[in-house]
Amino acid sequence: MSKVWPFLLVNFWAKNNKRHSVDFFTFPSENLVKQRSKTARCVMLKKLSLTLLSVAMLAACGQQNTAEILSEDSQSGVIGGEKVEMGSRIMRSTVGLYDEGSGTLCTGTLISKELVLTAAHCVTPGSTHQLVFFTDDIKNMNAYNSRYAIKALRHEDYERNRGRKYDTADIALVRIRGEYIPVGYAPAPIFADFQSLKQGSEVVVAGYGLSWAWGVKKGSGALRTTKLKVGEARYGQNEVLIAQSVKKGVCSGDSGGPAYIDKNGELYLMGVTSRGDSMATPLTPKCFQFSIYSRVDAYLPWIKKTSELLLKDR
């Protein structure tokens, strides 16, 4: 019996929690806070105590939250991913989002010189403390490679849909201050040929999140990328399920980040990271099973309308 019960336990969990999901965002590790102590913005970060971080962790999501304070000596990025080098094609349109008020870290994609597409749960309505940074690592963020957000708008259906299994409308647009972006950056083109997307299609993902999620989690803040496969091309009407595996996938801190389609050497933005598995077993820790992406092409009418609203007062 002692040899059989672990198998039964895992089998029972798999049947009952196959699609248990949670938003992907996280808090930077303490060493990242210390490394920004020489800048004016770091004054606020150094004052964040463990108590405040704990409160933010409980309040940041309506669903179960995997966000954690991460270890100081950790490596960072997409699980199983390669570190993105400055000037690479992934770097051209992938940016980080850091909220100085709550301490949360997300990822986003540049779709115009002034607009970043990200997840709705990465945006705090009315926040004046959100920074968009253009660099390979949050510890290298400074006044020259970061911009404050002027305004951000969530999809109007997000609050109503956020607890649903499918089609949560977890998408948002952020307008950044200024009409220029750092040299080497450019908006990502949108992948419009959704009908060609099938189970097994390859996607390129990127994010500033966890690099490992088995037992002790490692920190976030460095941009990493990896290649994954589509698990379900039609997960609801407006979403795609991406299959993940042990040591390979997206996790905390990667929320809002891109899923690109590599077409003739150019990266087209297909999806925005929304959520993923959160229930861990001895054999399948969280972040190792699946992730859900909002399809960008399905939200193009909303993106166009919202872009006009955000930019009308230029």
Protein backbone atom coordinates (compact mmCIF):
# COMPACT_ATOMS: atom_id res chain seq x y z
CA MET A 1 0.00 0.00 0.00
CA SER A 2 2.85 2.41 0.81
CA LYS A 3 4.05 2.18 -2.79
CA VAL A 4 0.61 2.75 -4.29
CA TRP A 5 -0.83 5.72 -2.40
CA PRO A 6 1.53 8.42 -3.83
CA PHE A 7 0.44 7.45 -7.35
CA LEU A 8 -3.24 7.57 -6.37
CA LEU A 9 -2.75 10.96 -4.74
CA VAL A 10 -1.13 12.47 -7.84
CA ASN A 11 -3.76 10.89 -10.10
CA PHE A 12 -6.57 12.31 -7.94
CA TRP A 13 -4.97 15.78 -8.06
CA ALA A 14 -4.56 15.67 -11.84
CA LYS A 15 -8.24 14.87 -12.39
CA ASN A 16 -9.47 17.65 -10.13
CA ASN A 17 -6.97 20.46 -10.78
CA LYS A 18 -6.04 20.21 -14.42
CA ARG A 19 -7.12 23.73 -15.21
CA HIS A 20 -6.53 25.50 -11.90
CA SER A 21 -4.90 28.77 -12.88
CA VAL A 22 -3.52 31.94 -11.35
CA ASP A 23 -2.27 35.30 -12.57
CA PHE A 24 1.47 35.56 -13.21
CA PHE A 25 3.15 38.49 -11.51
CA THR A 26 5.69 38.81 -8.74
CA PHE A 27 7.67 41.07 -6.44
CA PRO A 28 11.35 41.78 -7.17
CA SER A 29 13.90 40.33 -4.76
CA GLU A 30 15.50 42.52 -2.10
CA ASN A 31 18.84 42.66 -3.90
CA LEU A 32 17.19 44.37 -6.87
CA VAL A 33 15.82 47.01 -4.53
CA LYS A 34 19.29 47.61 -3.04
CA GLN A 35 20.92 47.94 -6.43
CA ARG A 36 18.74 50.95 -7.25
CA SER A 37 19.65 52.79 -4.03
CA LYS A 38 21.70 55.42 -5.88
CA THR A 39 18.75 56.73 -7.89
CA ALA A 40 15.99 59.03 -6.71
CA ARG A 41 13.33 56.44 -7.39
CA CYS A 42 15.07 53.93 -5.15
CA VAL A 43 14.25 55.98 -2.05
CA MET A 44 10.70 54.66 -2.19
CA LEU A 45 11.83 51.09 -2.86
CA LYS A 46 14.19 50.95 0.11
CA LYS A 47 11.33 51.92 2.41
CA LEU A 48 9.22 48.95 1.41
CA SER A 49 9.16 46.60 4.38
CA LEU A 50 8.37 42.91 4.51
CA THR A 51 5.01 43.75 6.05
CA LEU A 52 3.99 46.01 3.18
CA LEU A 53 5.07 43.41 0.66
CA SER A 54 3.02 40.76 2.41
CA VAL A 55 -0.08 42.97 2.38
CA ALA A 56 0.40 43.69 -1.32
CA MET A 57 0.72 39.99 -2.03
CA LEU A 58 -2.67 39.35 -0.47
CA ALA A 59 -4.41 42.25 -2.18
CA ALA A 60 -2.92 42.17 -5.67
CA CYS A 61 -5.16 39.46 -7.13
CA GLY A 62 -8.77 38.39 -6.78
CA GLN A 63 -7.69 34.82 -7.54
CA GLN A 64 -5.12 32.71 -5.68
CA ASN A 65 -1.74 34.44 -5.99
CA THR A 66 1.67 32.88 -6.65
CA ALA A 67 3.58 36.15 -6.16
CA GLU A 68 6.42 35.84 -3.68
CA ILE A 69 9.36 37.77 -2.28
CA LEU A 70 12.23 36.10 -4.10
CA SER A 71 15.68 35.10 -2.89
CA GLU A 72 18.63 37.49 -3.15
CA ASP A 73 21.12 35.11 -4.76
CA SER A 74 18.89 33.90 -7.57
CA GLN A 75 19.08 34.00 -11.33
CA SER A 76 16.14 35.48 -13.18
CA GLY A 77 13.83 35.01 -16.14
CA VAL A 78 11.52 32.66 -18.02
CA ILE A 79 11.84 29.09 -16.67
CA GLY A 80 14.39 27.24 -18.79
CA GLY A 81 14.94 30.32 -20.92
CA GLU A 82 18.03 31.99 -22.29
CA LYS A 83 19.00 35.45 -21.11
CA VAL A 84 18.12 38.07 -23.70
CA GLU A 85 21.05 40.21 -24.80
CA MET A 86 20.82 43.94 -25.45
CA GLY A 87 20.08 44.61 -29.10
CA SER A 88 18.52 41.20 -29.81
CA ARG A 89 15.25 40.92 -31.70
CA ILE A 90 13.38 39.84 -28.54
CA MET A 91 14.62 42.96 -26.79
CA ARG A 92 13.36 45.26 -29.55
CA SER A 93 9.74 45.25 -28.37
CA THR A 94 9.67 43.50 -24.97
CA VAL A 95 9.63 45.80 -21.93
CA GLY A 96 9.22 45.53 -18.17
CA LEU A 97 6.58 47.15 -15.96
CA TYR A 98 7.30 47.94 -12.33
CA ASP A 99 4.80 49.51 -9.93
CA GLU A 100 6.63 51.52 -7.26
CA GLY A 101 3.50 51.60 -5.12
CA SER A 102 2.72 47.88 -4.88
CA GLY A 103 6.16 46.51 -5.82
CA THR A 104 4.75 44.22 -8.51
CA LEU A 105 6.69 43.27 -11.62
CA CYS A 106 5.19 42.42 -15.01
CA THR A 107 6.18 42.28 -18.67
CA GLY A 108 4.70 44.06 -21.67
CA THR A 109 5.08 44.57 -25.42
CA LEU A 110 5.64 47.83 -27.24
CA ILE A 111 2.97 48.24 -29.97
CA SER A 112 3.64 51.92 -30.72
CA LYS A 113 6.11 54.55 -29.55
CA GLU A 114 3.78 55.52 -26.72
CA LEU A 115 1.75 52.37 -26.01
CA VAL A 116 2.53 49.11 -24.21
CA LEU A 117 0.21 46.09 -24.33
CA THR A 118 0.10 44.03 -21.13
CA ALA A 119 -2.28 42.06 -18.88
CA ALA A 120 -5.16 43.79 -17.09
CA HIS A 121 -4.12 42.32 -13.74
CA CYS A 122 -0.73 44.07 -14.12
CA VAL A 123 -2.39 47.49 -14.10
CA THR A 124 -3.68 49.36 -11.05
CA PRO A 125 -6.36 51.86 -12.13
CA GLY A 126 -5.33 55.39 -11.24
CA SER A 127 -1.78 54.44 -10.25
CA THR A 128 0.82 57.17 -10.76
CA HIS A 129 3.74 54.97 -9.77
CA GLN A 130 4.05 52.55 -12.70
CA LEU A 131 7.34 52.53 -14.59
CA VAL A 132 8.02 51.01 -18.00
CA PHE A 133 11.68 50.07 -18.39
CA PHE A 134 13.70 49.41 -21.53
CA THR A 135 16.62 47.24 -20.47
CA ASP A 136 17.69 43.61 -20.12
CA ASP A 137 17.47 43.60 -16.32
CA ILE A 138 15.51 45.60 -13.75
CA LYS A 139 18.70 46.17 -11.76
CA ASN A 140 19.98 48.24 -14.71
CA MET A 141 16.91 50.49 -14.71
CA ASN A 142 17.66 54.21 -14.46
CA ALA A 143 16.20 57.58 -15.43
CA TYR A 144 17.42 57.21 -19.01
CA ASN A 145 15.92 53.80 -19.83
CA SER A 146 12.61 54.04 -17.99
CA ARG A 147 9.42 56.04 -18.46
CA TYR A 148 6.52 56.69 -16.13
CA ALA A 149 3.08 55.65 -17.33
CA ILE A 150 0.73 58.57 -17.97
CA LYS A 151 -2.43 56.48 -17.99
CA ALA A 152 -3.50 52.85 -18.29
CA LEU A 153 -6.83 51.31 -19.29
CA ARG A 154 -8.00 47.77 -18.62
CA HIS A 155 -10.49 45.97 -20.82
CA GLU A 156 -13.94 46.90 -19.52
CA ASP A 157 -14.95 43.22 -19.18
CA TYR A 158 -11.97 42.19 -17.03
CA GLU A 159 -13.48 42.72 -13.58
CA ARG A 160 -16.60 40.79 -14.54
CA ASN A 161 -14.73 37.96 -16.29
CA ARG A 162 -11.60 37.55 -14.17
CA GLY A 163 -12.87 34.50 -12.29
CA ARG A 164 -13.98 32.63 -15.40
CA LYS A 165 -12.26 29.60 -16.87
CA TYR A 166 -12.19 31.04 -20.39
CA ASP A 167 -11.97 34.48 -21.99
CA THR A 168 -11.17 36.66 -18.99
CA ALA A 169 -10.41 39.81 -21.04
CA ASP A 170 -7.10 40.04 -19.17
CA ILE A 171 -5.62 42.74 -21.39
CA ALA A 172 -4.66 46.38 -20.89
CA LEU A 173 -2.97 49.29 -22.65
CA VAL A 174 -0.45 51.60 -20.97
CA ARG A 175 0.50 54.99 -22.36
CA ILE A 176 4.03 56.01 -21.48
CA ARG A 177 5.39 59.52 -21.05
CA GLY A 178 7.16 61.07 -24.03
CA GLU A 179 6.99 60.44 -27.75
CA TYR A 180 10.32 58.69 -28.15
CA ILE A 181 11.75 55.33 -27.15
CA PRO A 182 15.36 54.27 -26.55
CA VAL A 183 17.55 53.46 -29.55
CA GLY A 184 17.19 49.83 -30.61
CA TYR A 185 13.50 49.51 -29.68
CA ALA A 186 10.58 49.30 -32.11
CA PRO A 187 6.87 48.37 -31.92
CA ALA A 188 6.01 44.72 -32.57
CA PRO A 189 3.84 43.88 -35.60
CA ILE A 190 0.61 42.01 -34.82
CA PHE A 191 0.11 38.37 -35.87
CA ALA A 192 -3.20 38.40 -37.76
CA ASP A 193 -3.20 34.92 -39.33
CA PHE A 194 -4.79 33.13 -36.37
CA GLN A 195 -6.33 30.41 -38.56
CA SER A 196 -2.83 29.08 -39.26
CA LEU A 197 -2.22 28.52 -35.53
CA LYS A 198 -2.61 24.85 -34.57
CA GLN A 199 -1.77 22.46 -31.77
CA GLY A 200 1.99 22.04 -31.83
CA SER A 201 2.70 25.42 -33.44
CA GLU A 202 5.86 26.97 -32.00
CA VAL A 203 5.77 30.26 -30.12
CA VAL A 204 8.56 32.41 -28.71
CA VAL A 205 7.82 33.72 -25.20
CA ALA A 206 9.68 36.28 -23.11
CA GLY A 207 9.45 37.78 -19.64
CA TYR A 208 11.18 39.18 -16.58
CA GLY A 209 9.89 36.42 -14.28
CA LEU A 210 11.09 33.31 -12.44
CA SER A 211 13.84 31.16 -13.90
CA TRP A 212 13.05 28.12 -11.73
CA ALA A 213 10.02 26.95 -9.80
CA TRP A 214 10.79 23.62 -8.13
CA GLY A 215 10.88 23.86 -4.37
CA VAL A 216 12.84 27.06 -3.72
CA LYS A 217 11.96 29.73 -6.29
CA LYS A 218 14.56 31.94 -7.88
CA GLY A 219 14.27 35.64 -8.44
CA SER A 220 12.92 37.80 -11.20
CA GLY A 221 14.11 40.85 -13.04
CA ALA A 222 16.24 39.67 -15.98
CA LEU A 223 14.63 39.26 -19.39
CA ARG A 224 14.69 35.69 -20.68
CA THR A 225 13.13 33.88 -23.61
CA THR A 226 12.30 30.32 -24.63
CA LYS A 227 10.29 28.42 -27.24
CA LEU A 228 7.07 26.56 -26.37
CA LYS A 229 4.30 24.71 -28.22
CA VAL A 230 0.62 25.54 -28.58
CA GLY A 231 -1.48 23.07 -26.55
CA GLU A 232 -4.96 24.33 -27.51
CA ALA A 233 -5.21 26.95 -30.26
CA ARG A 234 -8.84 27.66 -29.38
CA TYR A 235 -9.04 27.83 -25.60
CA GLY A 236 -12.36 29.64 -25.47
CA GLN A 237 -13.09 32.33 -28.05
CA ASN A 238 -10.20 34.70 -27.36
CA GLU A 239 -7.43 32.69 -25.72
CA VAL A 240 -4.70 30.17 -26.49
CA LEU A 241 -3.35 27.50 -24.13
CA ILE A 242 0.42 27.02 -24.30
CA ALA A 243 1.89 23.71 -23.13
CA GLN A 244 4.71 23.91 -20.58
CA SER A 245 7.06 21.30 -19.17
CA VAL A 246 9.54 20.70 -16.38
CA LYS A 247 12.16 23.49 -16.46
CA LYS A 248 10.52 25.24 -19.43
CA GLY A 249 7.73 27.82 -19.41
CA VAL A 250 6.52 31.16 -18.07
CA CYS A 251 5.86 31.95 -14.41
CA SER A 252 5.62 34.79 -11.87
CA GLY A 253 6.80 38.11 -13.30
CA ASP A 254 6.02 37.08 -16.88
CA SER A 255 2.41 38.34 -16.74
CA GLY A 256 1.54 40.60 -19.63
CA GLY A 257 4.51 39.39 -21.63
CA PRO A 258 4.48 38.40 -25.29
CA ALA A 259 4.03 35.18 -27.21
CA TYR A 260 5.57 35.80 -30.62
CA ILE A 261 5.25 33.88 -33.86
CA ASP A 262 8.52 33.72 -35.79
CA LYS A 263 7.62 34.31 -39.43
CA ASN A 264 10.48 34.55 -41.92
CA GLY A 265 12.82 35.81 -39.22
CA GLU A 266 10.48 38.51 -37.91
CA LEU A 267 8.61 38.25 -34.60
CA TYR A 268 4.86 38.92 -34.71
CA LEU A 269 2.91 39.45 -31.48
CA MET A 270 0.31 36.70 -31.10
CA GLY A 271 -0.59 36.67 -27.40
CA VAL A 272 -0.36 38.35 -23.99
CA THR A 273 0.44 36.21 -20.93
CA SER A 274 -2.61 36.01 -18.66
CA ARG A 275 -2.39 33.12 -16.20
CA GLY A 276 -1.24 29.55 -15.65
CA ASP A 277 -1.31 26.54 -13.35
CA SER A 278 -0.80 27.21 -9.66
CA MET A 279 -1.48 23.90 -7.88
CA ALA A 280 1.73 21.96 -7.33
CA THR A 281 2.24 18.23 -6.72
CA PRO A 282 5.49 16.36 -5.97
CA LEU A 283 5.77 15.48 -9.66
CA THR A 284 4.37 18.60 -11.32
CA PRO A 285 5.21 21.86 -9.52
CA LYS A 286 3.32 24.98 -10.50
CA CYS A 287 4.33 26.77 -13.71
CA PHE A 288 5.23 23.43 -15.32
CA GLN A 289 1.90 22.49 -16.95
CA PHE A 290 0.27 25.25 -18.98
CA SER A 291 -0.12 28.97 -19.48
CA ILE A 292 -3.02 30.94 -20.97
CA TYR A 293 -2.54 33.80 -23.43
CA SER A 294 -5.04 36.42 -24.58
CA ARG A 295 -5.08 36.47 -28.39
CA VAL A 296 -4.06 39.90 -29.63
CA ASP A 297 -5.91 39.59 -32.95
CA ALA A 298 -9.18 38.90 -31.10
CA TYR A 299 -8.83 42.20 -29.22
CA LEU A 300 -7.78 44.39 -32.16
CA PRO A 301 -11.05 46.41 -32.18
CA TRP A 302 -10.64 47.11 -28.46
CA ILE A 303 -6.94 47.97 -28.91
CA LYS A 304 -7.76 50.44 -31.69
CA LYS A 305 -10.56 52.11 -29.71
CA THR A 306 -8.53 52.29 -26.50
CA SER A 307 -5.44 53.59 -28.29
CA GLU A 308 -7.48 56.51 -29.60
CA LEU A 309 -8.76 57.27 -26.10
CA LEU A 310 -5.29 57.21 -24.57
CA LEU A 311 -3.70 59.36 -27.28
CA LYS A 312 -6.46 61.88 -27.95
CA ASP A 313 -5.00 64.57 -25.65
CA ARG A 314 -1.50 64.63 -27.16
